[in-house]
Amino acid sequence: MQIGMIEGATRVIGKSQGYIGLPLKDTLYADGTPAMESAWFPTPKEIEALAAGAPVILEVLGHGHPPVKLSVGNPPKEQDDDR
């Protein structure tokens, strides 16, 4: 998976620790629970594997497992190349 720029990103984490940097969008659930969203784009090889029924694997570092959610976002909007 490739890290993507999530629409409405509010910050980028990890760069100061020497990582690539992960754009995040801070959100709130209706009950006030804070959440962070990031965008990931599968490579062509991963798309092929997913289409063949391969699962999406979520890896969480450490010993505790925080609440998480996986979903599918909207397809990228087409860019107007007549700029």
N, C-alpha and C. Protein backbone atom coordinates (compact mmCIF):
# COMPACT_ATOMS: atom_id res chain seq x y z
N MET A 1 0.85 -1.18 0.00
CA MET A 1 0.00 0.00 0.00
C MET A 1 0.89 1.24 0.00
N GLN A 2 0.41 2.23 -0.70
CA GLN A 2 1.12 3.51 -0.76
C GLN A 2 0.35 4.56 0.06
N ILE A 3 1.08 5.33 0.85
CA ILE A 3 0.46 6.40 1.62
C ILE A 3 -0.08 7.44 0.64
N GLY A 4 -1.30 7.89 0.87
CA GLY A 4 -1.90 8.91 0.02
C GLY A 4 -2.19 10.18 0.80
N MET A 5 -2.48 11.24 0.09
CA MET A 5 -2.90 12.49 0.71
C MET A 5 -4.41 12.43 0.87
N ILE A 6 -4.88 12.39 2.11
CA ILE A 6 -6.31 12.33 2.36
C ILE A 6 -6.92 13.72 2.15
N GLU A 7 -8.07 13.75 1.50
CA GLU A 7 -8.75 15.02 1.27
C GLU A 7 -9.10 15.66 2.61
N GLY A 8 -8.78 16.93 2.77
CA GLY A 8 -9.06 17.65 4.01
C GLY A 8 -8.04 17.40 5.10
N ALA A 9 -6.84 16.95 4.73
CA ALA A 9 -5.79 16.67 5.73
C ALA A 9 -5.57 17.87 6.64
N THR A 10 -5.41 17.57 7.93
CA THR A 10 -5.19 18.63 8.92
C THR A 10 -3.77 18.65 9.46
N ARG A 11 -3.02 17.56 9.27
CA ARG A 11 -1.63 17.52 9.73
C ARG A 11 -0.92 16.31 9.14
N VAL A 12 0.40 16.29 9.28
CA VAL A 12 1.23 15.17 8.85
C VAL A 12 2.04 14.72 10.06
N ILE A 13 1.98 13.42 10.38
CA ILE A 13 2.74 12.92 11.51
C ILE A 13 3.90 12.05 11.04
N GLY A 14 4.90 11.90 11.88
CA GLY A 14 6.00 10.98 11.63
C GLY A 14 7.23 11.56 10.98
N LYS A 15 7.12 12.68 10.27
CA LYS A 15 8.28 13.24 9.57
C LYS A 15 9.39 13.62 10.54
N SER A 16 9.04 14.19 11.69
CA SER A 16 10.06 14.62 12.64
C SER A 16 10.80 13.43 13.27
N GLN A 17 10.22 12.23 13.17
CA GLN A 17 10.89 11.03 13.66
C GLN A 17 11.68 10.33 12.56
N GLY A 18 11.73 10.92 11.37
CA GLY A 18 12.49 10.35 10.27
C GLY A 18 11.70 9.43 9.36
N TYR A 19 10.39 9.34 9.56
CA TYR A 19 9.56 8.51 8.70
C TYR A 19 9.13 9.31 7.47
N ILE A 20 8.45 8.65 6.54
CA ILE A 20 7.98 9.29 5.32
C ILE A 20 7.02 10.44 5.63
N GLY A 21 6.19 10.24 6.62
CA GLY A 21 5.15 11.22 6.96
C GLY A 21 3.80 10.68 6.54
N LEU A 22 2.84 10.78 7.46
CA LEU A 22 1.51 10.27 7.21
C LEU A 22 0.50 11.40 7.32
N PRO A 23 -0.08 11.84 6.21
CA PRO A 23 -1.11 12.88 6.26
C PRO A 23 -2.35 12.35 6.97
N LEU A 24 -2.86 13.11 7.92
CA LEU A 24 -4.05 12.73 8.68
C LEU A 24 -5.12 13.78 8.56
N LYS A 25 -6.34 13.34 8.69
CA LYS A 25 -7.50 14.23 8.78
C LYS A 25 -8.12 13.96 10.15
N ASP A 26 -8.09 14.97 11.01
CA ASP A 26 -8.70 14.85 12.33
C ASP A 26 -10.21 15.01 12.19
N THR A 27 -10.95 14.10 12.80
CA THR A 27 -12.41 14.13 12.74
C THR A 27 -12.99 13.87 14.13
N LEU A 28 -14.26 14.11 14.26
CA LEU A 28 -14.99 13.82 15.50
C LEU A 28 -16.24 13.04 15.17
N TYR A 29 -16.50 11.99 15.95
CA TYR A 29 -17.79 11.29 15.84
C TYR A 29 -18.86 12.17 16.49
N ALA A 30 -20.11 11.87 16.22
CA ALA A 30 -21.23 12.66 16.75
C ALA A 30 -21.21 12.75 18.27
N ASP A 31 -20.68 11.71 18.94
CA ASP A 31 -20.63 11.73 20.41
C ASP A 31 -19.40 12.44 20.95
N GLY A 32 -18.59 13.03 20.05
CA GLY A 32 -17.40 13.77 20.47
C GLY A 32 -16.12 12.95 20.50
N THR A 33 -16.19 11.68 20.14
CA THR A 33 -15.00 10.83 20.13
C THR A 33 -14.07 11.28 19.00
N PRO A 34 -12.82 11.62 19.32
CA PRO A 34 -11.89 12.04 18.28
C PRO A 34 -11.41 10.84 17.46
N ALA A 35 -11.12 11.08 16.21
CA ALA A 35 -10.60 10.04 15.32
C ALA A 35 -9.62 10.68 14.33
N MET A 36 -8.79 9.85 13.74
CA MET A 36 -7.84 10.28 12.71
C MET A 36 -8.03 9.37 11.51
N GLU A 37 -8.09 9.95 10.32
CA GLU A 37 -8.23 9.18 9.08
C GLU A 37 -6.99 9.38 8.23
N SER A 38 -6.56 8.31 7.56
CA SER A 38 -5.47 8.40 6.59
C SER A 38 -5.89 7.65 5.33
N ALA A 39 -5.26 7.96 4.22
CA ALA A 39 -5.61 7.36 2.93
C ALA A 39 -4.46 6.46 2.47
N TRP A 40 -4.83 5.28 1.97
CA TRP A 40 -3.87 4.31 1.47
C TRP A 40 -4.33 3.82 0.11
N PHE A 41 -3.40 3.76 -0.83
CA PHE A 41 -3.73 3.32 -2.19
C PHE A 41 -3.01 2.02 -2.50
N PRO A 42 -3.77 0.98 -2.88
CA PRO A 42 -3.13 -0.29 -3.22
C PRO A 42 -2.36 -0.19 -4.54
N THR A 43 -1.27 -0.93 -4.58
CA THR A 43 -0.49 -1.02 -5.82
C THR A 43 -1.25 -1.91 -6.81
N PRO A 44 -0.89 -1.87 -8.10
CA PRO A 44 -1.56 -2.75 -9.06
C PRO A 44 -1.50 -4.23 -8.64
N LYS A 45 -0.38 -4.67 -8.10
CA LYS A 45 -0.24 -6.06 -7.65
C LYS A 45 -1.21 -6.34 -6.49
N GLU A 46 -1.34 -5.38 -5.58
CA GLU A 46 -2.27 -5.55 -4.45
C GLU A 46 -3.73 -5.54 -4.92
N ILE A 47 -4.04 -4.70 -5.92
CA ILE A 47 -5.40 -4.68 -6.48
C ILE A 47 -5.72 -6.05 -7.08
N GLU A 48 -4.76 -6.62 -7.77
CA GLU A 48 -4.95 -7.95 -8.36
C GLU A 48 -5.20 -8.99 -7.25
N ALA A 49 -4.42 -8.92 -6.18
CA ALA A 49 -4.60 -9.87 -5.07
C ALA A 49 -5.95 -9.67 -4.39
N LEU A 50 -6.36 -8.41 -4.19
CA LEU A 50 -7.66 -8.14 -3.58
C LEU A 50 -8.79 -8.67 -4.45
N ALA A 51 -8.68 -8.46 -5.75
CA ALA A 51 -9.71 -8.94 -6.68
C ALA A 51 -9.79 -10.47 -6.67
N ALA A 52 -8.67 -11.12 -6.31
CA ALA A 52 -8.64 -12.59 -6.24
C ALA A 52 -9.10 -13.09 -4.87
N GLY A 53 -9.49 -12.16 -4.00
CA GLY A 53 -10.02 -12.56 -2.70
C GLY A 53 -9.07 -12.43 -1.52
N ALA A 54 -7.89 -11.85 -1.73
CA ALA A 54 -6.94 -11.68 -0.63
C ALA A 54 -7.51 -10.69 0.39
N PRO A 55 -7.23 -10.90 1.68
CA PRO A 55 -7.74 -9.99 2.69
C PRO A 55 -6.88 -8.74 2.82
N VAL A 56 -7.44 -7.71 3.41
CA VAL A 56 -6.69 -6.53 3.82
C VAL A 56 -6.18 -6.83 5.23
N ILE A 57 -4.89 -6.66 5.47
CA ILE A 57 -4.29 -6.93 6.77
C ILE A 57 -4.00 -5.60 7.47
N LEU A 58 -4.47 -5.47 8.69
CA LEU A 58 -4.17 -4.30 9.52
C LEU A 58 -3.15 -4.73 10.56
N GLU A 59 -2.00 -4.06 10.60
CA GLU A 59 -0.97 -4.37 11.58
C GLU A 59 -0.88 -3.21 12.56
N VAL A 60 -0.98 -3.51 13.85
CA VAL A 60 -0.87 -2.50 14.90
C VAL A 60 0.37 -2.84 15.72
N LEU A 61 1.28 -1.88 15.86
CA LEU A 61 2.50 -2.12 16.62
C LEU A 61 2.22 -2.05 18.12
N GLY A 62 2.96 -2.83 18.89
CA GLY A 62 2.81 -2.81 20.34
C GLY A 62 2.04 -4.01 20.85
N HIS A 63 1.58 -3.92 22.12
CA HIS A 63 0.89 -5.03 22.78
C HIS A 63 -0.59 -4.78 22.98
N GLY A 64 -1.02 -3.53 22.90
CA GLY A 64 -2.43 -3.22 23.05
C GLY A 64 -3.04 -2.91 21.69
N HIS A 65 -4.30 -3.22 21.52
CA HIS A 65 -4.96 -2.98 20.24
C HIS A 65 -6.03 -1.91 20.42
N PRO A 66 -5.78 -0.71 19.87
CA PRO A 66 -6.78 0.35 19.98
C PRO A 66 -7.97 0.05 19.07
N PRO A 67 -9.10 0.69 19.31
CA PRO A 67 -10.22 0.54 18.37
C PRO A 67 -9.80 1.08 17.00
N VAL A 68 -10.11 0.34 15.96
CA VAL A 68 -9.78 0.75 14.60
C VAL A 68 -10.98 0.52 13.70
N LYS A 69 -10.92 1.10 12.51
CA LYS A 69 -11.98 0.94 11.52
C LYS A 69 -11.33 0.95 10.14
N LEU A 70 -11.74 0.07 9.26
CA LEU A 70 -11.30 0.08 7.87
C LEU A 70 -12.51 0.33 7.00
N SER A 71 -12.33 1.12 5.97
CA SER A 71 -13.41 1.37 5.02
C SER A 71 -12.80 1.69 3.66
N VAL A 72 -13.65 1.81 2.68
CA VAL A 72 -13.21 2.18 1.33
C VAL A 72 -13.66 3.61 1.07
N GLY A 73 -12.73 4.45 0.64
CA GLY A 73 -13.04 5.84 0.33
C GLY A 73 -13.60 5.97 -1.07
N ASN A 74 -13.77 7.20 -1.50
CA ASN A 74 -14.26 7.51 -2.84
C ASN A 74 -13.11 7.44 -3.84
N PRO A 75 -13.38 7.08 -5.08
CA PRO A 75 -12.34 7.10 -6.10
C PRO A 75 -11.79 8.52 -6.27
N PRO A 76 -10.52 8.63 -6.65
CA PRO A 76 -9.95 9.96 -6.88
C PRO A 76 -10.73 10.72 -7.94
N LYS A 77 -10.85 12.02 -7.76
CA LYS A 77 -11.52 12.87 -8.75
C LYS A 77 -10.59 13.02 -9.95
N GLU A 78 -11.18 13.05 -11.12
CA GLU A 78 -10.38 13.23 -12.34
C GLU A 78 -9.83 14.64 -12.37
N GLN A 79 -8.56 14.77 -12.75
CA GLN A 79 -7.92 16.08 -12.86
C GLN A 79 -8.20 16.66 -14.25
N ASP A 80 -8.45 17.97 -14.28
CA ASP A 80 -8.65 18.66 -15.56
C ASP A 80 -7.26 18.99 -16.11
N ASP A 81 -6.87 18.36 -17.22
CA ASP A 81 -5.54 18.57 -17.79
C ASP A 81 -5.46 19.78 -18.71
N ASP A 82 -6.53 20.57 -18.82
CA ASP A 82 -6.54 21.75 -19.69
C ASP A 82 -6.16 23.03 -18.93
N ARG A 83 -5.29 22.91 -17.96
CA ARG A 83 -4.93 24.08 -17.13
C ARG A 83 -4.11 25.07 -17.85
